[in-house]
Amino acid sequence: MLFVSQVELNYRVFMKYLIIVAAISLSCLSFAELKTVSGAKEDYQSFKKDVDKSLDKIDKDLDHLKEKAKDKGNTAKEKTIEEAKVARAKIKAEVETLKSKSKENWDKSKKEISDSVDALAKKIHSALE
C-alpha cells in the first residue's frame, strides 16, 4: 500500500483547484475578447453606415453643384467639384483602413474622418450658395 502524506495530498488538491481556476479565468478572458471584437465590428459597421449615408448626400449635392456649374460655366465651382471628388475618395479609403486600426488609432481616425466629411459637406454647401 502506498503511503501519501497529508502535505502531498493537500498539494495535489491545491494544484487541481489552481488548474480549475486558471481554466475558468482563461475562458472568461476569451469570452471578453470575443465581446470586445464583436463590439468593435459593430461600431465599425455603424460608423461606416453613417459615413456612407453622409457621402450619399454629398454625392447628391455634388450632382446639383455640377448642374449649377454647367448652367453658369463657373470654373470655381468646377474646381470645387474636382477637389470634392478627391476628398470623397480619400474619405472612403480611410474608412476602409479603419478595420485594421488599434483602439487608440480608431478613436483618432474616426474623429478625423468625421471632421473631413463635415468639412467636405460645408465646402459643397457654400459652393451651392
C-alpha atoms as a PDB file:
ATOM      1  CA  MET A   1       0.000   0.000   0.000  1.00  0.00           C
ATOM      2  CA  LEU A   2       1.249   3.426  -0.948  1.00  0.00           C
ATOM      3  CA  PHE A   3       1.581   5.959   1.751  1.00  0.00           C
ATOM      4  CA  VAL A   4       0.704   9.554   0.794  1.00  0.00           C
ATOM      5  CA  SER A   5       1.479  12.226   3.296  1.00  0.00           C
ATOM      6  CA  GLN A   6      -1.094  14.819   4.241  1.00  0.00           C
ATOM      7  CA  VAL A   7       1.123  17.551   2.806  1.00  0.00           C
ATOM      8  CA  GLU A   8       1.361  15.788  -0.538  1.00  0.00           C
ATOM      9  CA  LEU A   9      -2.395  15.228  -0.577  1.00  0.00           C
ATOM     10  CA  ASN A  10      -3.060  18.894   0.218  1.00  0.00           C
ATOM     11  CA  TYR A  11      -0.611  19.895  -2.504  1.00  0.00           C
ATOM     12  CA  ARG A  12      -2.434  17.741  -5.089  1.00  0.00           C
ATOM     13  CA  VAL A  13      -5.823  19.191  -4.132  1.00  0.00           C
ATOM     14  CA  PHE A  14      -4.402  22.700  -4.253  1.00  0.00           C
ATOM     15  CA  MET A  15      -2.946  22.108  -7.729  1.00  0.00           C
ATOM     16  CA  LYS A  16      -6.281  20.770  -9.021  1.00  0.00           C
ATOM     17  CA  TYR A  17      -8.066  23.868  -7.762  1.00  0.00           C
ATOM     18  CA  LEU A  18      -5.374  26.065  -9.228  1.00  0.00           C
ATOM     19  CA  ILE A  19      -5.776  24.428 -12.642  1.00  0.00           C
ATOM     20  CA  ILE A  20      -9.559  24.791 -12.471  1.00  0.00           C
ATOM     21  CA  VAL A  21      -9.323  28.487 -11.544  1.00  0.00           C
ATOM     22  CA  ALA A  22      -6.805  29.087 -14.332  1.00  0.00           C
ATOM     23  CA  ALA A  23      -9.040  27.348 -16.863  1.00  0.00           C
ATOM     24  CA  ILE A  24     -12.070  29.385 -15.804  1.00  0.00           C
ATOM     25  CA  SER A  25     -10.069  32.626 -15.908  1.00  0.00           C
ATOM     26  CA  LEU A  26      -8.785  31.902 -19.400  1.00  0.00           C
ATOM     27  CA  SER A  27     -12.241  31.071 -20.700  1.00  0.00           C
ATOM     28  CA  CYS A  28     -13.616  34.309 -19.225  1.00  0.00           C
ATOM     29  CA  LEU A  29     -10.836  36.307 -20.878  1.00  0.00           C
ATOM     30  CA  SER A  30     -11.526  34.654 -24.212  1.00  0.00           C
ATOM     31  CA  PHE A  31     -15.223  35.453 -23.893  1.00  0.00           C
ATOM     32  CA  ALA A  32     -14.437  39.080 -23.005  1.00  0.00           C
ATOM     33  CA  GLU A  33     -12.126  39.356 -26.014  1.00  0.00           C
ATOM     34  CA  LEU A  34     -14.846  37.978 -28.271  1.00  0.00           C
ATOM     35  CA  LYS A  35     -17.321  40.543 -26.945  1.00  0.00           C
ATOM     36  CA  THR A  36     -14.764  43.317 -27.486  1.00  0.00           C
ATOM     37  CA  VAL A  37     -14.052  42.190 -31.036  1.00  0.00           C
ATOM     38  CA  SER A  38     -17.757  41.864 -31.720  1.00  0.00           C
ATOM     39  CA  GLY A  39     -18.402  45.334 -30.298  1.00  0.00           C
ATOM     40  CA  ALA A  40     -15.609  46.810 -32.380  1.00  0.00           C
ATOM     41  CA  LYS A  41     -17.035  45.226 -35.538  1.00  0.00           C
ATOM     42  CA  GLU A  42     -20.491  46.600 -34.726  1.00  0.00           C
ATOM     43  CA  ASP A  43     -19.027  50.049 -34.037  1.00  0.00           C
ATOM     44  CA  TYR A  44     -17.129  49.936 -37.333  1.00  0.00           C
ATOM     45  CA  GLN A  45     -20.220  48.838 -39.257  1.00  0.00           C
ATOM     46  CA  SER A  46     -22.336  51.541 -37.651  1.00  0.00           C
ATOM     47  CA  PHE A  47     -19.743  54.244 -38.333  1.00  0.00           C
ATOM     48  CA  LYS A  48     -19.254  53.021 -41.908  1.00  0.00           C
ATOM     49  CA  LYS A  49     -23.014  53.128 -42.478  1.00  0.00           C
ATOM     50  CA  ASP A  50     -23.184  56.709 -41.139  1.00  0.00           C
ATOM     51  CA  VAL A  51     -20.280  57.824 -43.335  1.00  0.00           C
ATOM     52  CA  ASP A  52     -21.817  56.115 -46.372  1.00  0.00           C
ATOM     53  CA  LYS A  53     -25.096  57.969 -45.740  1.00  0.00           C
ATOM     54  CA  SER A  54     -23.222  61.256 -45.491  1.00  0.00           C
ATOM     55  CA  LEU A  55     -21.265  60.503 -48.667  1.00  0.00           C
ATOM     56  CA  ASP A  56     -24.507  59.652 -50.498  1.00  0.00           C
ATOM     57  CA  LYS A  57     -25.880  63.060 -49.528  1.00  0.00           C
ATOM     58  CA  ILE A  58     -22.623  64.663 -50.613  1.00  0.00           C
ATOM     59  CA  ASP A  59     -22.923  62.860 -53.969  1.00  0.00           C
ATOM     60  CA  LYS A  60     -26.410  64.315 -54.469  1.00  0.00           C
ATOM     61  CA  ASP A  61     -25.164  67.774 -53.567  1.00  0.00           C
ATOM     62  CA  LEU A  62     -22.234  67.322 -55.972  1.00  0.00           C
ATOM     63  CA  ASP A  63     -24.641  66.393 -58.775  1.00  0.00           C
ATOM     64  CA  HIS A  64     -26.625  69.528 -58.013  1.00  0.00           C
ATOM     65  CA  LEU A  65     -23.426  71.587 -57.989  1.00  0.00           C
ATOM     66  CA  LYS A  66     -22.408  70.078 -61.350  1.00  0.00           C
ATOM     67  CA  GLU A  67     -25.699  71.205 -62.838  1.00  0.00           C
ATOM     68  CA  LYS A  68     -25.223  74.713 -61.454  1.00  0.00           C
ATOM     69  CA  ALA A  69     -21.669  74.878 -62.766  1.00  0.00           C
ATOM     70  CA  LYS A  70     -22.765  73.637 -66.180  1.00  0.00           C
ATOM     71  CA  ASP A  71     -25.532  76.231 -66.413  1.00  0.00           C
ATOM     72  CA  LYS A  72     -23.285  79.137 -65.494  1.00  0.00           C
ATOM     73  CA  GLY A  73     -19.955  77.851 -66.788  1.00  0.00           C
ATOM     74  CA  ASN A  74     -18.390  78.613 -63.431  1.00  0.00           C
ATOM     75  CA  THR A  75     -14.790  77.387 -63.277  1.00  0.00           C
ATOM     76  CA  ALA A  76     -14.595  77.980 -59.495  1.00  0.00           C
ATOM     77  CA  LYS A  77     -17.471  75.562 -58.969  1.00  0.00           C
ATOM     78  CA  GLU A  78     -15.870  73.075 -61.360  1.00  0.00           C
ATOM     79  CA  LYS A  79     -12.647  73.270 -59.343  1.00  0.00           C
ATOM     80  CA  THR A  80     -14.621  72.703 -56.137  1.00  0.00           C
ATOM     81  CA  ILE A  81     -16.247  69.661 -57.721  1.00  0.00           C
ATOM     82  CA  GLU A  82     -12.881  68.143 -58.627  1.00  0.00           C
ATOM     83  CA  GLU A  83     -11.469  68.832 -55.157  1.00  0.00           C
ATOM     84  CA  ALA A  84     -14.599  67.326 -53.595  1.00  0.00           C
ATOM     85  CA  LYS A  85     -14.246  64.157 -55.668  1.00  0.00           C
ATOM     86  CA  VAL A  86     -10.659  63.728 -54.469  1.00  0.00           C
ATOM     87  CA  ALA A  87     -11.629  64.399 -50.841  1.00  0.00           C
ATOM     88  CA  ARG A  88     -14.550  61.960 -51.094  1.00  0.00           C
ATOM     89  CA  ALA A  89     -12.314  59.193 -52.442  1.00  0.00           C
ATOM     90  CA  LYS A  90      -9.813  59.835 -49.658  1.00  0.00           C
ATOM     91  CA  ILE A  91     -12.537  59.616 -47.004  1.00  0.00           C
ATOM     92  CA  LYS A  92     -13.831  56.365 -48.486  1.00  0.00           C
ATOM     93  CA  ALA A  93     -10.320  54.866 -48.431  1.00  0.00           C
ATOM     94  CA  GLU A  94      -9.746  55.993 -44.834  1.00  0.00           C
ATOM     95  CA  VAL A  95     -12.971  54.308 -43.720  1.00  0.00           C
ATOM     96  CA  GLU A  96     -11.789  51.050 -45.269  1.00  0.00           C
ATOM     97  CA  THR A  97      -8.484  51.217 -43.356  1.00  0.00           C
ATOM     98  CA  LEU A  98     -10.289  51.625 -40.027  1.00  0.00           C
ATOM     99  CA  LYS A  99     -10.710  47.853 -39.746  1.00  0.00           C
ATOM    100  CA  SER A 100      -7.032  47.428 -39.014  1.00  0.00           C
ATOM    101  CA  LYS A 101      -6.637  50.311 -36.539  1.00  0.00           C
ATOM    102  CA  SER A 102      -5.939  49.843 -32.844  1.00  0.00           C
ATOM    103  CA  LYS A 103      -8.369  51.261 -30.280  1.00  0.00           C
ATOM    104  CA  GLU A 104      -6.281  54.406 -29.785  1.00  0.00           C
ATOM    105  CA  ASN A 105      -5.903  54.978 -33.521  1.00  0.00           C
ATOM    106  CA  TRP A 106      -9.567  54.040 -34.123  1.00  0.00           C
ATOM    107  CA  ASP A 107     -10.866  56.906 -31.980  1.00  0.00           C
ATOM    108  CA  LYS A 108      -8.464  59.413 -33.548  1.00  0.00           C
ATOM    109  CA  SER A 109      -9.149  58.223 -37.108  1.00  0.00           C
ATOM    110  CA  LYS A 110     -12.886  58.200 -36.533  1.00  0.00           C
ATOM    111  CA  LYS A 111     -12.785  61.844 -35.445  1.00  0.00           C
ATOM    112  CA  GLU A 112     -10.552  62.811 -38.368  1.00  0.00           C
ATOM    113  CA  ILE A 113     -12.898  61.124 -40.846  1.00  0.00           C
ATOM    114  CA  SER A 114     -15.950  62.766 -39.279  1.00  0.00           C
ATOM    115  CA  ASP A 115     -14.228  66.146 -39.464  1.00  0.00           C
ATOM    116  CA  SER A 116     -13.288  65.503 -43.115  1.00  0.00           C
ATOM    117  CA  VAL A 117     -16.880  64.612 -44.004  1.00  0.00           C
ATOM    118  CA  ASP A 118     -18.169  67.741 -42.255  1.00  0.00           C
ATOM    119  CA  ALA A 119     -15.591  69.963 -43.972  1.00  0.00           C
ATOM    120  CA  LEU A 120     -16.432  68.481 -47.368  1.00  0.00           C
ATOM    121  CA  ALA A 121     -20.162  68.958 -46.834  1.00  0.00           C
ATOM    122  CA  LYS A 122     -19.607  72.597 -45.778  1.00  0.00           C
ATOM    123  CA  LYS A 123     -17.408  73.251 -48.806  1.00  0.00           C
ATOM    124  CA  ILE A 124     -20.041  71.892 -51.182  1.00  0.00           C
ATOM    125  CA  HIS A 125     -22.865  73.764 -49.459  1.00  0.00           C
ATOM    126  CA  SER A 126     -21.015  77.059 -49.621  1.00  0.00           C
ATOM    127  CA  ALA A 127     -20.322  76.423 -53.334  1.00  0.00           C
ATOM    128  CA  LEU A 128     -24.047  75.788 -53.851  1.00  0.00           C
ATOM    129  CA  GLU A 129     -24.972  79.185 -52.398  1.00  0.00           C
END
